[in-house]
C-alpha atoms as a PDB file:
ATOM      1  CA  MET A   1     -38.603  -7.113 -12.569  1.00  0.00           C
ATOM      2  CA  ASN A   2     -38.155 -10.595 -13.991  1.00  0.00           C
ATOM      3  CA  ILE A   3     -36.493 -12.933 -11.459  1.00  0.00           C
ATOM      4  CA  VAL A   4     -34.521 -14.733 -14.203  1.00  0.00           C
ATOM      5  CA  LYS A   5     -33.130 -11.424 -15.427  1.00  0.00           C
ATOM      6  CA  MET A   6     -32.207 -10.456 -11.866  1.00  0.00           C
ATOM      7  CA  MET A   7     -30.384 -13.763 -11.391  1.00  0.00           C
ATOM      8  CA  GLN A   8     -28.469 -13.240 -14.655  1.00  0.00           C
ATOM      9  CA  GLN A   9     -27.471  -9.739 -13.568  1.00  0.00           C
ATOM     10  CA  ALA A  10     -26.352 -11.042 -10.178  1.00  0.00           C
ATOM     11  CA  LYS A  11     -24.210 -13.745 -11.805  1.00  0.00           C
ATOM     12  CA  LYS A  12     -22.643 -11.198 -14.157  1.00  0.00           C
ATOM     13  CA  MET A  13     -21.953  -8.846 -11.240  1.00  0.00           C
ATOM     14  CA  GLN A  14     -20.369 -11.700  -9.300  1.00  0.00           C
ATOM     15  CA  ALA A  15     -18.173 -12.679 -12.281  1.00  0.00           C
ATOM     16  CA  ASP A  16     -17.128  -9.048 -12.804  1.00  0.00           C
ATOM     17  CA  MET A  17     -16.316  -8.702  -9.108  1.00  0.00           C
ATOM     18  CA  GLN A  18     -14.241 -11.893  -9.095  1.00  0.00           C
ATOM     19  CA  LYS A  19     -12.300 -10.782 -12.187  1.00  0.00           C
ATOM     20  CA  LYS A  20     -11.584  -7.334 -10.717  1.00  0.00           C
ATOM     21  CA  MET A  21     -10.494  -8.836  -7.391  1.00  0.00           C
ATOM     22  CA  GLU A  22      -8.145 -11.287  -9.124  1.00  0.00           C
ATOM     23  CA  GLU A  23      -6.627  -8.400 -11.094  1.00  0.00           C
ATOM     24  CA  HIS A  24      -6.302  -6.370  -7.896  1.00  0.00           C
ATOM     25  CA  ASP A  25      -4.594  -9.237  -6.050  1.00  0.00           C
ATOM     26  CA  LYS A  26      -1.911  -9.446  -8.782  1.00  0.00           C
ATOM     27  CA  LYS A  27      -1.361  -5.676  -9.031  1.00  0.00           C
ATOM     28  CA  GLU A  28       1.833  -4.238  -7.534  1.00  0.00           C
ATOM     29  CA  PHE A  29       1.680  -1.122  -5.408  1.00  0.00           C
ATOM     30  CA  VAL A  30       4.740   0.892  -4.411  1.00  0.00           C
ATOM     31  CA  ILE A  31       4.169   3.043  -1.368  1.00  0.00           C
ATOM     32  CA  GLU A  32       6.768   5.477  -0.059  1.00  0.00           C
ATOM     33  CA  TYR A  33       6.697   6.490   3.583  1.00  0.00           C
ATOM     34  CA  ASN A  34       8.007   9.993   4.387  1.00  0.00           C
ATOM     35  CA  GLY A  35      10.989   9.582   2.056  1.00  0.00           C
ATOM     36  CA  LEU A  36      12.399   7.011   4.480  1.00  0.00           C
ATOM     37  CA  VAL A  37      11.143   3.625   3.272  1.00  0.00           C
ATOM     38  CA  SER A  38       9.393   2.284   0.203  1.00  0.00           C
ATOM     39  CA  ILE A  39       7.367  -0.891   0.148  1.00  0.00           C
ATOM     40  CA  LYS A  40       6.336  -2.937  -2.866  1.00  0.00           C
ATOM     41  CA  ILE A  41       3.189  -4.877  -2.022  1.00  0.00           C
ATOM     42  CA  LEU A  42       0.752  -6.936  -4.056  1.00  0.00           C
ATOM     43  CA  GLY A  43      -2.992  -6.431  -3.893  1.00  0.00           C
ATOM     44  CA  SER A  44      -3.086  -9.788  -2.109  1.00  0.00           C
ATOM     45  CA  LEU A  45      -1.116  -8.021   0.680  1.00  0.00           C
ATOM     46  CA  GLN A  46       2.052 -10.019   0.043  1.00  0.00           C
ATOM     47  CA  ILE A  47       5.107  -7.827   0.676  1.00  0.00           C
ATOM     48  CA  LYS A  48       7.469  -8.115  -2.285  1.00  0.00           C
ATOM     49  CA  GLU A  49      10.182  -5.662  -1.345  1.00  0.00           C
ATOM     50  CA  ILE A  50      11.189  -3.177   1.337  1.00  0.00           C
ATOM     51  CA  ASN A  51      13.755  -0.494   0.536  1.00  0.00           C
ATOM     52  CA  ILE A  52      15.412   1.784   3.067  1.00  0.00           C
ATOM     53  CA  LEU A  53      15.658   5.122   1.251  1.00  0.00           C
ATOM     54  CA  LYS A  54      17.515   7.004   3.967  1.00  0.00           C
ATOM     55  CA  GLU A  55      20.706   5.242   5.033  1.00  0.00           C
ATOM     56  CA  ASP A  56      21.008   6.998   8.381  1.00  0.00           C
ATOM     57  CA  LEU A  57      17.931   5.056   9.517  1.00  0.00           C
ATOM     58  CA  ILE A  58      20.269   2.098   9.845  1.00  0.00           C
ATOM     59  CA  ASP A  59      21.845   2.702  13.225  1.00  0.00           C
ATOM     60  CA  LYS A  60      22.795  -0.329  15.289  1.00  0.00           C
ATOM     61  CA  ASP A  61      22.355   1.757  18.435  1.00  0.00           C
ATOM     62  CA  ASP A  62      18.778   2.731  17.488  1.00  0.00           C
ATOM     63  CA  ILE A  63      17.082  -0.315  15.974  1.00  0.00           C
ATOM     64  CA  GLU A  64      13.719   0.778  17.429  1.00  0.00           C
ATOM     65  CA  THR A  65      13.444   3.764  15.074  1.00  0.00           C
ATOM     66  CA  LEU A  66      14.022   1.593  12.013  1.00  0.00           C
ATOM     67  CA  GLN A  67      11.497  -0.940  13.286  1.00  0.00           C
ATOM     68  CA  ASP A  68       8.902   1.787  13.896  1.00  0.00           C
ATOM     69  CA  VAL A  69       9.419   3.282  10.429  1.00  0.00           C
ATOM     70  CA  ILE A  70       9.093  -0.120   8.738  1.00  0.00           C
ATOM     71  CA  MET A  71       5.961  -0.919  10.747  1.00  0.00           C
ATOM     72  CA  SER A  72       4.373   2.451   9.918  1.00  0.00           C
ATOM     73  CA  ALA A  73       5.269   2.128   6.238  1.00  0.00           C
ATOM     74  CA  THR A  74       3.820  -1.383   6.110  1.00  0.00           C
ATOM     75  CA  ASN A  75       0.601  -0.250   7.790  1.00  0.00           C
ATOM     76  CA  LYS A  76       0.289   2.624   5.318  1.00  0.00           C
ATOM     77  CA  ALA A  77       0.855   0.261   2.368  1.00  0.00           C
ATOM     78  CA  VAL A  78      -1.712  -2.247   3.613  1.00  0.00           C
ATOM     79  CA  GLY A  79      -4.213   0.542   4.252  1.00  0.00           C
ATOM     80  CA  GLN A  80      -3.848   1.940   0.739  1.00  0.00           C
ATOM     81  CA  VAL A  81      -4.202  -1.483  -0.884  1.00  0.00           C
ATOM     82  CA  LEU A  82      -7.323  -2.251   1.159  1.00  0.00           C
ATOM     83  CA  ALA A  83      -8.799   1.174   0.344  1.00  0.00           C
ATOM     84  CA  GLU A  84      -8.355   0.504  -3.369  1.00  0.00           C
ATOM     85  CA  LYS A  85      -9.975  -2.909  -2.978  1.00  0.00           C
ATOM     86  CA  GLU A  86     -12.934  -1.298  -1.196  1.00  0.00           C
ATOM     87  CA  LYS A  87     -13.222   1.265  -4.001  1.00  0.00           C
ATOM     88  CA  ILE A  88     -13.457  -1.557  -6.563  1.00  0.00           C
ATOM     89  CA  THR A  89     -16.298  -3.095  -4.580  1.00  0.00           C
ATOM     90  CA  LYS A  90     -18.157   0.216  -4.289  1.00  0.00           C
ATOM     91  CA  ASP A  91     -17.700   0.942  -8.012  1.00  0.00           C
ATOM     92  CA  LEU A  92     -19.147  -2.446  -8.988  1.00  0.00           C
ATOM     93  CA  VAL A  93     -21.994  -2.361  -6.446  1.00  0.00           C
ATOM     94  CA  PRO A  94     -22.624   1.383  -5.981  1.00  0.00           C
ATOM     95  CA  GLY A  95     -25.767   1.190  -3.855  1.00  0.00           C
ATOM     96  CA  GLY A  96     -24.978  -2.077  -2.171  1.00  0.00           C
ATOM     97  CA  LEU A  97     -26.715  -5.302  -2.955  1.00  0.00           C
ATOM     98  CA  PRO A  98     -30.421  -4.986  -3.894  1.00  0.00           C
ATOM     99  CA  PHE A  99     -31.473  -7.740  -1.455  1.00  0.00           C
END
């Protein structure tokens, strides 16, 4: 294979990857956790909004449960966003880099 052609393909792949990643970072994801909490998160992992969907989670005598639910919901949201980002990478470079 021609080295110049390979370099051109690599540059195009890099530009495509950068464009897709920028789009992903701006995309909003809304993840609901067990009907209790929903989280709006950007692909850049910035949390935009947290909504308590079940009012009885707010109990001043049991703050720990609310904290645990919010933490679990946030972890789920981050995991889903990262999984989608990984999928973009695999779709653009299906067999890995040829080097």
